[in-house]
Amino acid sequence: MDGLLLNTEDIYTLCANIVLARHGRPNLPWSVKAKLMGVPGGSTGDSFHEWANLPIPREQYKLEQFEEHKKHFPECMPLPGAEALLEHLNAARNVDDRKVEVALATSSARQNFDLKIRQPESVKLMSHFPEGRRILGDDPRVKKGRGKPAPDIYLLALETINASLEEGEPRISPSECLVFEDSVPGVEAGRRAGMRVVWVPHEGLANELKGKETEVLAGRVGLVKIGDEHQLGQLDDGWAEQRPSLSEIVRANISEIRTSNSKVVLCTGANQGLGYSILKIAGLRHSDYTYILCSRNLAKGKDAADQLKEDGVSAKVDVLELDATKDEHIEQAVAYVDKTYGKLDVLVNNAGILGPFPKKDESLQTVRSRYDLLLSVNLASVAVVTYAFTPLLHKSADPKVISISSGLGSIQLSLTTKMGRFPPYGATKIGLNGLMVHLQVAENDRVEAGGQEAEPACIRHYVCAPGALRTAFSGFKDGLRDPDRGAEVVVRLLEDDKGKYEGGSYWEFEEDEMRRRPW
């Protein structure tokens, strides 16, 4: 609110400088003010007093400062563009034709808030926020010491919105929220809350932090320490942007600001090989999507995410530890995606193994264990992962499941074409193809039974054959296809918004075109 909607940051500076001059101290510099903005009680906190070195007790400074606040805050006015922005937001609809909900989360305590809302223009501005959706800096629901840059105040604001929605309306998740902030701790709070952020800094603050904009937008400047490192953003992850003013935002059209209605794509086994290439190719083409990179080894997953950035991917890439054979991993992944994003648009079942194959003269017990392992990873785990994420897929407007099969998954081609002969592996892929067909017809039946008003949306299930690829999966054999080329069939399916590719189908990408494969 302060410095974003109202011109009160300049008034804070004016009041501080009046008291400082009264006691022979210099004016408040931006290097200090940057640490105070957006933080509850920041103007009388440790950072200020360590710099000011005033010859009076802190309580006296606080009293003198408040006397100045009482004189000057009632004169405050809305900043240019504030009224137009809020009018636009209150009249707007999102891509699902739902009303855009707004709330206020400010570090101003009630006493100062009331002083600031005296002019008719300020009263009108605040009327855009329902009384129950105004979260102030001294709200008892925000624990002491958990103001900005902690995420609590923004999460509470979202909680008040969800509590006021009509019965049956879908709850809004943090990833669907857009935060407008002028302060650095405020940007960090929004990022920690898992929300997108638009930073509109005061000219003085922008000059002070020139060259550090990328760190600010990621919430990684660390001007104020809270000992809470969860949910920090990544540099250049596309989840925050800087704008010079609210007026510029209104002129440029608010709809141009990237929102969280973009797709959320989760890929298993994505730290290397085909999975990595899928996220790389998709990320380079669709930087507005959010990608969840799943890896059995979290450290390797984080390394892969760093490599994606080096490869030019600017999209947000989240990393999850997920071994598809471990139910507890799956449950934790579903809970995380639900809490963070509230939906899943595309599930890519990529994790799989080629062997081990039964060997000649092995015991039946060993042969059975080899088949059990292949079937568990390549078929049963895909079924379980898909089952677990189905409720989140049903929260998407256009959900898709893309499972990586093989040319060996085609019964017809296996019988008529000279291909590699790997019966255990091929059997798992034939089983996978059959699973997706049956999931699709069950989904179709559900939608048909619901009629034209059937909810939720119908999941489109696909299987695809990327070809024999030069990856660790195949031992990096020479002469095989580059995994980036193999990823093309998956990317074409996941980016299809127009229903071009029918659900319950089997695809490959050959000679620069999508082709249906026979079952």
Protein backbone atom coordinates (compact mmCIF):
# COMPACT_ATOMS: atom_id res chain seq x y z
CA MET A 1 0.00 0.00 0.00
CA ASP A 2 2.64 2.53 1.11
CA GLY A 3 4.60 3.72 -1.90
CA LEU A 4 2.53 1.55 -4.24
CA LEU A 5 -1.03 2.83 -3.89
CA LEU A 6 -0.46 5.88 -1.66
CA ASN A 7 2.34 8.47 -1.65
CA THR A 8 3.10 7.65 1.98
CA GLU A 9 6.69 6.42 1.51
CA ASP A 10 7.76 9.98 0.76
CA ILE A 11 5.82 11.09 3.84
CA TYR A 12 7.63 8.47 5.97
CA THR A 13 10.92 9.91 4.72
CA LEU A 14 9.79 13.48 5.38
CA CYS A 15 8.74 12.68 8.95
CA ALA A 16 11.97 10.79 9.67
CA ASN A 17 14.11 13.62 8.32
CA ILE A 18 12.25 16.22 10.41
CA VAL A 19 13.02 14.31 13.61
CA LEU A 20 16.58 13.49 12.53
CA ALA A 21 17.32 17.16 11.78
CA ARG A 22 15.84 18.17 15.13
CA HIS A 23 18.54 16.06 16.81
CA GLY A 24 21.42 17.00 14.54
CA ARG A 25 21.43 13.88 12.38
CA PRO A 26 21.63 13.67 8.56
CA ASN A 27 18.74 12.82 6.24
CA LEU A 28 17.72 9.18 5.80
CA PRO A 29 19.65 7.67 2.84
CA TRP A 30 18.15 5.11 0.45
CA SER A 31 20.76 2.56 1.49
CA VAL A 32 19.07 2.47 4.92
CA LYS A 33 15.51 3.19 3.83
CA ALA A 34 15.58 0.16 1.48
CA LYS A 35 15.85 -2.09 4.55
CA LEU A 36 12.92 -0.39 6.31
CA MET A 37 10.33 -0.36 3.54
CA GLY A 38 7.59 -2.94 3.83
CA VAL A 39 8.78 -4.26 7.20
CA PRO A 40 6.40 -3.86 10.17
CA GLY A 41 7.89 -1.28 12.54
CA GLY A 42 10.88 -0.89 10.23
CA SER A 43 11.11 2.87 10.67
CA THR A 44 11.81 2.42 14.40
CA GLY A 45 13.67 -0.89 14.27
CA ASP A 46 17.28 -1.94 14.82
CA SER A 47 18.49 -1.16 11.28
CA PHE A 48 17.31 2.42 11.56
CA HIS A 49 18.66 3.10 15.05
CA GLU A 50 22.03 1.45 14.39
CA TRP A 51 22.48 3.89 11.52
CA ALA A 52 20.86 6.97 13.11
CA ASN A 53 22.81 6.84 16.41
CA LEU A 54 20.35 9.31 17.91
CA PRO A 55 21.05 11.05 21.23
CA ILE A 56 17.55 10.22 22.46
CA PRO A 57 15.91 6.96 23.61
CA ARG A 58 14.11 4.89 21.01
CA GLU A 59 10.76 5.46 22.67
CA GLN A 60 11.18 9.22 22.45
CA TYR A 61 12.02 8.97 18.74
CA LYS A 62 8.95 6.81 18.22
CA LEU A 63 6.72 9.40 19.93
CA GLU A 64 8.20 12.31 17.99
CA GLN A 65 7.88 10.42 14.74
CA PHE A 66 4.22 9.60 15.42
CA GLU A 67 3.48 13.28 16.09
CA GLU A 68 4.80 14.04 12.61
CA HIS A 69 2.76 11.15 11.18
CA LYS A 70 -0.40 12.66 12.67
CA LYS A 71 0.35 15.94 10.92
CA HIS A 72 1.24 14.61 7.49
CA PHE A 73 -0.41 11.22 6.85
CA PRO A 74 -3.95 12.68 6.62
CA GLU A 75 -2.73 14.66 3.60
CA CYS A 76 -1.64 11.58 1.64
CA MET A 77 -3.14 10.86 -1.77
CA PRO A 78 -3.32 7.91 -4.19
CA LEU A 79 -0.37 7.53 -6.54
CA PRO A 80 -0.95 7.92 -10.29
CA GLY A 81 -2.52 4.81 -11.79
CA ALA A 82 -3.63 3.28 -8.47
CA GLU A 83 -7.34 4.00 -8.88
CA ALA A 84 -7.36 2.93 -12.54
CA LEU A 85 -5.54 -0.31 -11.74
CA LEU A 86 -7.96 -1.30 -8.98
CA GLU A 87 -10.97 -0.42 -11.11
CA HIS A 88 -9.56 -2.62 -13.87
CA LEU A 89 -8.90 -5.54 -11.53
CA ASN A 90 -12.33 -5.39 -9.93
CA ALA A 91 -13.99 -5.49 -13.35
CA ALA A 92 -11.69 -8.15 -14.82
CA ARG A 93 -12.35 -11.84 -15.50
CA ASN A 94 -9.68 -14.51 -15.77
CA VAL A 95 -9.30 -17.09 -18.55
CA ASP A 96 -11.83 -19.34 -16.80
CA ASP A 97 -14.32 -16.42 -16.84
CA ARG A 98 -14.10 -16.11 -13.05
CA LYS A 99 -14.02 -12.74 -11.29
CA VAL A 100 -10.57 -11.54 -10.30
CA GLU A 101 -10.46 -11.35 -6.49
CA VAL A 102 -8.43 -8.67 -4.70
CA ALA A 103 -7.09 -8.24 -1.17
CA LEU A 104 -4.81 -5.80 0.65
CA ALA A 105 -1.72 -6.94 2.58
CA THR A 106 0.10 -3.99 4.15
CA SER A 107 2.68 -3.62 6.89
CA SER A 108 0.93 -0.47 8.13
CA ALA A 109 -0.57 -0.92 11.59
CA ARG A 110 -4.19 0.08 12.23
CA GLN A 111 -3.27 3.40 13.87
CA ASN A 112 -1.30 4.63 10.86
CA PHE A 113 -3.72 3.07 8.37
CA ASP A 114 -6.58 5.12 9.78
CA LEU A 115 -4.49 8.31 9.55
CA LYS A 116 -3.82 7.64 5.87
CA ILE A 117 -7.46 7.10 4.90
CA ARG A 118 -8.72 10.63 5.47
CA GLN A 119 -8.90 12.19 2.01
CA PRO A 120 -11.96 11.29 -0.15
CA GLU A 121 -9.62 9.96 -2.83
CA SER A 122 -7.92 7.59 -0.36
CA VAL A 123 -11.26 6.45 1.03
CA LYS A 124 -12.45 5.66 -2.48
CA LEU A 125 -9.23 3.78 -3.23
CA MET A 126 -9.59 1.55 -0.18
CA SER A 127 -13.23 0.83 -1.02
CA HIS A 128 -11.97 -1.51 -3.74
CA PHE A 129 -10.85 -3.87 -0.95
CA PRO A 130 -13.64 -5.52 1.09
CA GLU A 131 -13.19 -4.84 4.81
CA GLY A 132 -12.60 -8.53 5.53
CA ARG A 133 -9.80 -8.68 2.98
CA ARG A 134 -7.65 -5.91 4.44
CA ILE A 135 -4.73 -7.48 6.30
CA LEU A 136 -2.80 -4.88 8.31
CA GLY A 137 0.65 -5.05 9.84
CA ASP A 138 -0.63 -5.57 13.39
CA ASP A 139 -3.24 -8.20 12.48
CA PRO A 140 -3.16 -10.74 15.36
CA ARG A 141 -3.40 -13.60 12.85
CA VAL A 142 0.13 -12.75 11.67
CA LYS A 143 2.53 -13.96 14.35
CA LYS A 144 4.98 -11.47 15.81
CA GLY A 145 8.18 -11.46 13.79
CA ARG A 146 6.46 -13.00 10.76
CA GLY A 147 5.75 -9.84 8.79
CA LYS A 148 7.35 -9.22 5.41
CA PRO A 149 9.69 -10.67 4.10
CA ALA A 150 8.02 -13.77 5.58
CA PRO A 151 5.16 -15.02 3.36
CA ASP A 152 2.55 -15.16 6.14
CA ILE A 153 0.68 -11.93 5.39
CA TYR A 154 0.15 -12.84 1.73
CA LEU A 155 -0.93 -16.37 2.56
CA LEU A 156 -3.39 -14.94 5.09
CA ALA A 157 -4.75 -12.53 2.47
CA LEU A 158 -5.32 -15.48 0.14
CA GLU A 159 -6.99 -17.37 2.97
CA THR A 160 -9.47 -14.52 3.46
CA ILE A 161 -10.29 -14.58 -0.26
CA ASN A 162 -10.88 -18.32 -0.31
CA ALA A 163 -13.02 -18.12 2.83
CA SER A 164 -15.32 -15.63 1.13
CA LEU A 165 -15.86 -17.62 -2.08
CA GLU A 166 -19.27 -19.10 -2.66
CA GLU A 167 -19.82 -22.79 -2.03
CA GLY A 168 -18.68 -24.84 -5.00
CA GLU A 169 -16.25 -22.22 -6.32
CA PRO A 170 -12.73 -23.64 -6.72
CA ARG A 171 -10.21 -22.42 -4.17
CA ILE A 172 -7.45 -20.19 -5.44
CA SER A 173 -3.89 -21.49 -5.05
CA PRO A 174 -0.81 -19.31 -4.37
CA SER A 175 0.48 -19.88 -7.91
CA GLU A 176 -2.70 -18.25 -9.26
CA CYS A 177 -2.02 -15.02 -7.37
CA LEU A 178 -0.32 -11.86 -8.61
CA VAL A 179 1.29 -9.58 -6.01
CA PHE A 180 1.97 -5.89 -6.64
CA GLU A 181 4.82 -4.60 -4.46
CA ASP A 182 7.10 -1.60 -4.18
CA SER A 183 9.42 -2.83 -1.42
CA VAL A 184 12.20 -5.42 -1.59
CA PRO A 185 11.01 -7.34 1.52
CA GLY A 186 7.53 -7.31 -0.02
CA VAL A 187 8.79 -8.89 -3.23
CA GLU A 188 10.55 -11.54 -1.17
CA ALA A 189 7.37 -12.21 0.84
CA GLY A 190 5.38 -12.69 -2.35
CA ARG A 191 7.97 -15.05 -3.81
CA ARG A 192 8.13 -17.06 -0.57
CA ALA A 193 4.34 -17.39 -0.70
CA GLY A 194 4.68 -19.06 -4.12
CA MET A 195 3.00 -16.15 -5.90
CA ARG A 196 3.93 -14.14 -8.97
CA VAL A 197 5.13 -10.62 -8.29
CA VAL A 198 5.16 -7.28 -10.09
CA TRP A 199 7.74 -4.95 -8.53
CA VAL A 200 6.98 -1.23 -8.90
CA PRO A 201 9.81 0.50 -6.99
CA HIS A 202 10.16 4.14 -6.01
CA GLU A 203 12.67 5.85 -8.31
CA GLY A 204 15.06 6.29 -5.40
CA LEU A 205 14.89 2.61 -4.50
CA ALA A 206 15.34 1.57 -8.13
CA ASN A 207 18.49 3.70 -8.34
CA GLU A 208 19.82 2.28 -5.07
CA LEU A 209 19.43 -1.29 -6.35
CA LYS A 210 20.51 -0.70 -9.92
CA GLY A 211 22.30 -3.81 -11.18
CA LYS A 212 20.62 -6.03 -8.57
CA GLU A 213 17.19 -6.22 -10.21
CA THR A 214 17.50 -9.94 -11.00
CA GLU A 215 18.21 -10.77 -7.35
CA VAL A 216 15.34 -8.57 -6.17
CA LEU A 217 12.85 -10.29 -8.49
CA ALA A 218 13.99 -13.71 -7.27
CA GLY A 219 13.55 -12.58 -3.65
CA ARG A 220 17.23 -13.20 -3.01
CA VAL A 221 18.63 -9.81 -1.96
CA GLY A 222 18.34 -10.65 1.74
CA LEU A 223 18.09 -7.10 3.05
CA VAL A 224 16.14 -8.42 6.04
CA LYS A 225 16.97 -11.82 7.54
CA ILE A 226 14.21 -14.07 8.85
CA GLY A 227 16.01 -17.43 8.96
CA ASP A 228 13.44 -18.89 6.59
CA GLU A 229 14.79 -20.12 3.26
CA HIS A 230 11.80 -22.00 1.85
CA GLN A 231 10.17 -21.15 -1.48
CA LEU A 232 12.80 -18.68 -2.64
CA GLY A 233 12.66 -17.90 -6.34
CA GLN A 234 15.29 -18.72 -8.94
CA LEU A 235 17.13 -16.03 -10.87
CA ASP A 236 15.34 -15.18 -14.13
CA ASP A 237 12.62 -17.78 -13.50
CA GLY A 238 9.91 -15.61 -15.07
CA TRP A 239 7.79 -15.41 -11.89
CA ALA A 240 8.46 -11.74 -11.20
CA GLU A 241 8.93 -8.62 -13.27
CA GLN A 242 9.68 -4.95 -12.76
CA ARG A 243 7.47 -2.08 -13.96
CA PRO A 244 8.25 1.65 -13.61
CA SER A 245 4.81 2.72 -12.38
CA LEU A 246 1.18 1.69 -11.98
CA SER A 247 0.28 4.18 -14.71
CA GLU A 248 2.57 2.36 -17.11
CA ILE A 249 0.92 -0.94 -16.22
CA VAL A 250 -2.52 0.45 -16.95
CA ARG A 251 -1.35 1.99 -20.22
CA ALA A 252 0.36 -1.22 -21.30
CA ASN A 253 -2.78 -3.23 -20.44
CA ILE A 254 -2.73 -5.33 -17.29
CA SER A 255 -3.44 -8.47 -19.33
CA GLU A 256 0.11 -8.34 -20.69
CA ILE A 257 1.49 -9.12 -17.25
CA ARG A 258 2.24 -12.81 -17.08
CA THR A 259 -0.20 -14.64 -14.85
CA SER A 260 -0.30 -18.12 -13.42
CA ASN A 261 -2.98 -19.35 -15.79
CA SER A 262 -0.14 -20.79 -17.86
CA LYS A 263 0.41 -24.53 -17.90
CA VAL A 264 1.99 -26.52 -15.09
CA VAL A 265 3.94 -29.44 -16.58
CA LEU A 266 5.40 -32.27 -14.48
CA CYS A 267 7.88 -34.75 -15.97
CA THR A 268 9.22 -37.83 -14.16
CA GLY A 269 12.78 -39.01 -14.69
CA ALA A 270 13.71 -35.58 -16.02
CA ASN A 271 17.24 -35.00 -14.73
CA GLN A 272 18.84 -36.52 -17.84
CA GLY A 273 18.18 -38.05 -21.25
CA LEU A 274 14.76 -37.72 -22.85
CA GLY A 275 13.11 -36.17 -19.78
CA TYR A 276 15.71 -33.41 -19.67
CA SER A 277 15.30 -32.76 -23.39
CA ILE A 278 11.52 -32.56 -23.04
CA LEU A 279 11.81 -29.79 -20.45
CA LYS A 280 14.55 -28.03 -22.41
CA ILE A 281 12.70 -27.93 -25.73
CA ALA A 282 9.36 -27.07 -24.10
CA GLY A 283 10.99 -24.47 -21.84
CA LEU A 284 12.72 -22.73 -24.73
CA ARG A 285 9.44 -22.49 -26.64
CA HIS A 286 7.07 -21.76 -23.76
CA SER A 287 8.78 -19.66 -21.11
CA ASP A 288 5.39 -18.84 -19.57
CA TYR A 289 4.83 -22.47 -18.54
CA THR A 290 5.93 -23.79 -15.16
CA TYR A 291 7.95 -27.01 -15.28
CA ILE A 292 8.35 -29.49 -12.44
CA LEU A 293 11.50 -31.54 -12.91
CA CYS A 294 11.27 -34.85 -11.04
CA SER A 295 14.35 -36.87 -10.20
CA ARG A 296 15.02 -39.84 -7.95
CA ASN A 297 18.07 -37.94 -6.70
CA LEU A 298 17.28 -34.39 -5.56
CA ALA A 299 20.85 -33.12 -5.99
CA LYS A 300 20.97 -34.38 -9.57
CA GLY A 301 17.60 -32.77 -10.19
CA LYS A 302 18.87 -29.40 -8.97
CA ASP A 303 21.98 -29.76 -11.14
CA ALA A 304 19.73 -30.45 -14.12
CA ALA A 305 17.64 -27.36 -13.35
CA ASP A 306 20.84 -25.28 -13.28
CA GLN A 307 21.88 -26.78 -16.60
CA LEU A 308 18.50 -25.92 -18.12
CA LYS A 309 19.15 -22.31 -17.21
CA GLU A 310 22.59 -22.47 -18.85
CA ASP A 311 20.90 -23.92 -21.93
CA GLY A 312 18.75 -20.80 -22.16
CA VAL A 313 15.55 -21.87 -20.41
CA SER A 314 14.12 -18.82 -18.61
CA ALA A 315 10.87 -20.47 -17.50
CA LYS A 316 10.25 -21.37 -13.86
CA VAL A 317 11.64 -24.84 -13.16
CA ASP A 318 10.72 -26.47 -9.86
CA VAL A 319 12.56 -29.58 -8.66
CA LEU A 320 11.01 -32.52 -6.81
CA GLU A 321 12.50 -35.73 -5.49
CA LEU A 322 10.35 -38.49 -6.95
CA ASP A 323 11.08 -42.18 -7.28
CA ALA A 324 8.01 -43.47 -9.09
CA THR A 325 8.33 -46.86 -7.36
CA LYS A 326 7.99 -45.29 -3.90
CA ASP A 327 4.45 -44.45 -2.85
CA GLU A 328 5.59 -42.04 -0.13
CA HIS A 329 7.47 -40.01 -2.76
CA ILE A 330 4.37 -39.90 -4.94
CA GLU A 331 2.17 -38.79 -2.04
CA GLN A 332 4.62 -36.04 -1.09
CA ALA A 333 4.86 -34.85 -4.70
CA VAL A 334 1.08 -34.68 -5.08
CA ALA A 335 0.76 -32.76 -1.81
CA TYR A 336 3.44 -30.29 -2.89
CA VAL A 337 1.92 -29.66 -6.32
CA ASP A 338 -1.52 -29.25 -4.77
CA LYS A 339 -0.31 -26.74 -2.19
CA THR A 340 1.97 -24.81 -4.55
CA TYR A 341 0.06 -24.82 -7.84
CA GLY A 342 -3.42 -26.13 -7.07
CA LYS A 343 -3.58 -28.02 -10.36
CA LEU A 344 -1.57 -30.00 -12.91
CA ASP A 345 -2.06 -29.42 -16.62
CA VAL A 346 0.32 -31.98 -18.10
CA LEU A 347 1.77 -35.15 -16.61
CA VAL A 348 4.64 -36.69 -18.58
CA ASN A 349 5.32 -40.27 -17.50
CA ASN A 350 8.91 -40.57 -18.67
CA ALA A 351 10.64 -42.60 -15.94
CA GLY A 352 11.45 -46.12 -17.11
CA ILE A 353 14.13 -48.79 -17.42
CA LEU A 354 15.32 -51.03 -20.26
CA GLY A 355 16.51 -54.01 -18.24
CA PRO A 356 17.73 -56.19 -16.64
CA PHE A 357 16.69 -59.02 -18.95
CA PRO A 358 16.49 -62.68 -17.93
CA LYS A 359 19.60 -64.63 -18.84
CA LYS A 360 19.97 -68.17 -20.05
CA ASP A 361 19.96 -70.83 -17.33
CA GLU A 362 18.85 -68.43 -14.56
CA SER A 363 16.58 -69.71 -11.82
CA LEU A 364 12.86 -69.15 -12.20
CA GLN A 365 12.98 -67.00 -9.09
CA THR A 366 15.55 -64.70 -10.73
CA VAL A 367 13.62 -64.56 -14.00
CA ARG A 368 10.46 -63.64 -12.10
CA SER A 369 12.25 -60.93 -10.13
CA ARG A 370 13.55 -59.37 -13.35
CA TYR A 371 10.07 -59.30 -14.89
CA ASP A 372 8.64 -57.95 -11.63
CA LEU A 373 11.12 -55.06 -11.66
CA LEU A 374 10.48 -54.15 -15.30
CA LEU A 375 6.71 -54.33 -14.88
CA SER A 376 6.85 -52.38 -11.62
CA VAL A 377 8.82 -49.46 -13.08
CA ASN A 378 7.46 -49.33 -16.63
CA LEU A 379 3.81 -50.19 -16.03
CA ALA A 380 2.61 -50.36 -12.43
CA SER A 381 4.41 -47.18 -11.36
CA VAL A 382 3.02 -45.27 -14.33
CA ALA A 383 -0.46 -46.44 -13.35
CA VAL A 384 0.03 -45.38 -9.72
CA VAL A 385 1.55 -41.97 -10.56
CA THR A 386 -1.27 -41.26 -13.02
CA TYR A 387 -3.88 -42.36 -10.48
CA ALA A 388 -2.34 -40.15 -7.79
CA PHE A 389 -2.23 -37.01 -9.95
CA THR A 390 -5.67 -37.46 -11.54
CA PRO A 391 -7.48 -35.21 -9.00
CA LEU A 392 -5.03 -32.38 -9.77
CA LEU A 393 -5.32 -33.01 -13.50
CA HIS A 394 -9.08 -32.66 -13.13
CA LYS A 395 -8.51 -29.12 -11.83
CA SER A 396 -7.01 -28.14 -15.19
CA ALA A 397 -9.09 -26.73 -18.04
CA ASP A 398 -7.22 -28.92 -20.55
CA PRO A 399 -5.48 -31.84 -18.80
CA LYS A 400 -3.15 -34.26 -20.56
CA VAL A 401 -1.19 -37.37 -19.64
CA ILE A 402 1.68 -38.24 -21.99
CA SER A 403 3.37 -41.57 -21.37
CA ILE A 404 6.61 -42.57 -23.06
CA SER A 405 6.20 -45.83 -24.89
CA SER A 406 8.33 -47.34 -27.65
CA GLY A 407 8.08 -48.73 -31.15
CA LEU A 408 8.13 -52.08 -29.39
CA GLY A 409 4.81 -51.14 -27.81
CA SER A 410 3.02 -51.68 -31.13
CA ILE A 411 1.81 -55.26 -31.54
CA GLN A 412 1.23 -54.75 -35.25
CA LEU A 413 4.68 -53.31 -35.96
CA SER A 414 6.40 -55.85 -33.74
CA LEU A 415 4.89 -58.61 -35.90
CA THR A 416 5.54 -56.97 -39.27
CA THR A 417 8.69 -54.85 -38.90
CA LYS A 418 12.28 -55.80 -38.21
CA MET A 419 13.04 -54.16 -34.87
CA GLY A 420 15.05 -54.92 -31.77
CA ARG A 421 13.87 -57.96 -29.87
CA PHE A 422 13.56 -57.29 -26.15
CA PRO A 423 10.52 -59.32 -25.03
CA PRO A 424 10.45 -58.24 -21.35
CA TYR A 425 10.81 -54.54 -22.19
CA GLY A 426 8.45 -54.73 -25.17
CA ALA A 427 5.81 -56.45 -23.07
CA THR A 428 5.87 -53.59 -20.54
CA LYS A 429 5.33 -51.05 -23.32
CA ILE A 430 2.47 -53.04 -24.85
CA GLY A 431 0.97 -53.10 -21.37
CA LEU A 432 1.51 -49.35 -21.03
CA ASN A 433 -0.27 -48.70 -24.32
CA GLY A 434 -3.19 -50.82 -23.18
CA LEU A 435 -3.35 -49.03 -19.84
CA MET A 436 -3.62 -45.62 -21.51
CA VAL A 437 -6.32 -46.84 -23.90
CA HIS A 438 -8.42 -48.13 -21.02
CA LEU A 439 -7.87 -44.96 -18.98
CA GLN A 440 -9.01 -42.92 -21.97
CA VAL A 441 -12.21 -44.85 -22.60
CA ALA A 442 -13.03 -44.72 -18.88
CA GLU A 443 -12.52 -40.94 -18.96
CA ASN A 444 -14.64 -40.64 -22.10
CA ASP A 445 -17.42 -42.64 -20.46
CA ARG A 446 -17.32 -40.37 -17.39
CA VAL A 447 -17.68 -37.25 -19.51
CA GLU A 448 -20.38 -38.77 -21.71
CA ALA A 449 -22.41 -39.73 -18.65
CA GLY A 450 -22.21 -36.13 -17.42
CA GLY A 451 -23.54 -34.65 -20.65
CA GLN A 452 -22.53 -31.26 -22.02
CA GLU A 453 -22.07 -29.81 -18.54
CA ALA A 454 -19.70 -32.60 -17.45
CA GLU A 455 -17.08 -31.47 -14.97
CA PRO A 456 -14.17 -31.74 -14.62
CA ALA A 457 -12.62 -31.57 -18.09
CA CYS A 458 -11.76 -34.77 -19.93
CA ILE A 459 -8.15 -35.89 -19.59
CA ARG A 460 -6.48 -36.67 -22.90
CA HIS A 461 -4.20 -39.71 -22.56
CA TYR A 462 -1.40 -40.18 -25.08
CA VAL A 463 1.43 -42.60 -25.62
CA CYS A 464 4.32 -41.79 -27.91
CA ALA A 465 7.38 -43.42 -29.42
CA PRO A 466 10.36 -41.04 -29.35
CA GLY A 467 12.62 -43.49 -31.19
CA ALA A 468 15.88 -45.13 -30.12
CA LEU A 469 17.82 -42.32 -28.46
CA ARG A 470 21.47 -41.72 -27.66
CA THR A 471 21.10 -41.50 -23.88
CA ALA A 472 22.23 -43.32 -20.75
CA PHE A 473 19.10 -45.45 -21.20
CA SER A 474 20.66 -47.00 -24.34
CA GLY A 475 24.28 -46.80 -23.25
CA PHE A 476 24.92 -43.75 -25.48
CA LYS A 477 25.24 -45.94 -28.55
CA ASP A 478 26.45 -44.27 -31.74
CA GLY A 479 23.99 -43.86 -34.58
CA LEU A 480 20.95 -43.34 -32.37
CA ARG A 481 18.71 -40.27 -32.41
CA ASP A 482 19.55 -37.15 -30.42
CA PRO A 483 17.20 -36.91 -27.39
CA ASP A 484 16.24 -33.34 -28.35
CA ARG A 485 14.81 -34.78 -31.55
CA GLY A 486 13.04 -37.51 -29.62
CA ALA A 487 11.47 -34.90 -27.34
CA GLU A 488 9.66 -33.25 -30.24
CA VAL A 489 6.71 -35.66 -30.23
CA VAL A 490 6.09 -35.00 -26.53
CA VAL A 491 6.38 -31.22 -26.84
CA ARG A 492 3.93 -31.17 -29.78
CA LEU A 493 1.40 -33.03 -27.64
CA LEU A 494 1.81 -31.00 -24.45
CA GLU A 495 1.54 -27.64 -26.22
CA ASP A 496 -1.63 -28.58 -28.15
CA ASP A 497 -4.40 -26.29 -26.88
CA LYS A 498 -6.87 -26.87 -29.69
CA GLY A 499 -7.55 -30.59 -29.39
CA LYS A 500 -5.68 -31.29 -32.62
CA TYR A 501 -4.49 -34.64 -31.29
CA GLU A 502 -7.26 -36.98 -30.16
CA GLY A 503 -6.94 -38.54 -26.73
CA GLY A 504 -6.31 -42.27 -26.58
CA SER A 505 -3.81 -42.17 -29.44
CA TYR A 506 -0.24 -43.30 -30.13
CA TRP A 507 2.18 -40.87 -31.78
CA GLU A 508 5.65 -40.44 -33.27
CA PHE A 509 7.45 -37.52 -34.92
CA GLU A 510 9.07 -38.54 -38.19
CA GLU A 511 10.22 -36.53 -41.19
CA ASP A 512 9.20 -33.32 -39.46
CA GLU A 513 5.58 -34.30 -38.94
CA MET A 514 3.38 -35.95 -36.33
CA ARG A 515 2.23 -39.45 -37.27
CA ARG A 516 -0.16 -41.84 -35.57
CA ARG A 517 1.30 -45.26 -34.95
CA PRO A 518 -0.76 -48.44 -35.15
CA TRP A 519 -1.52 -50.30 -31.96
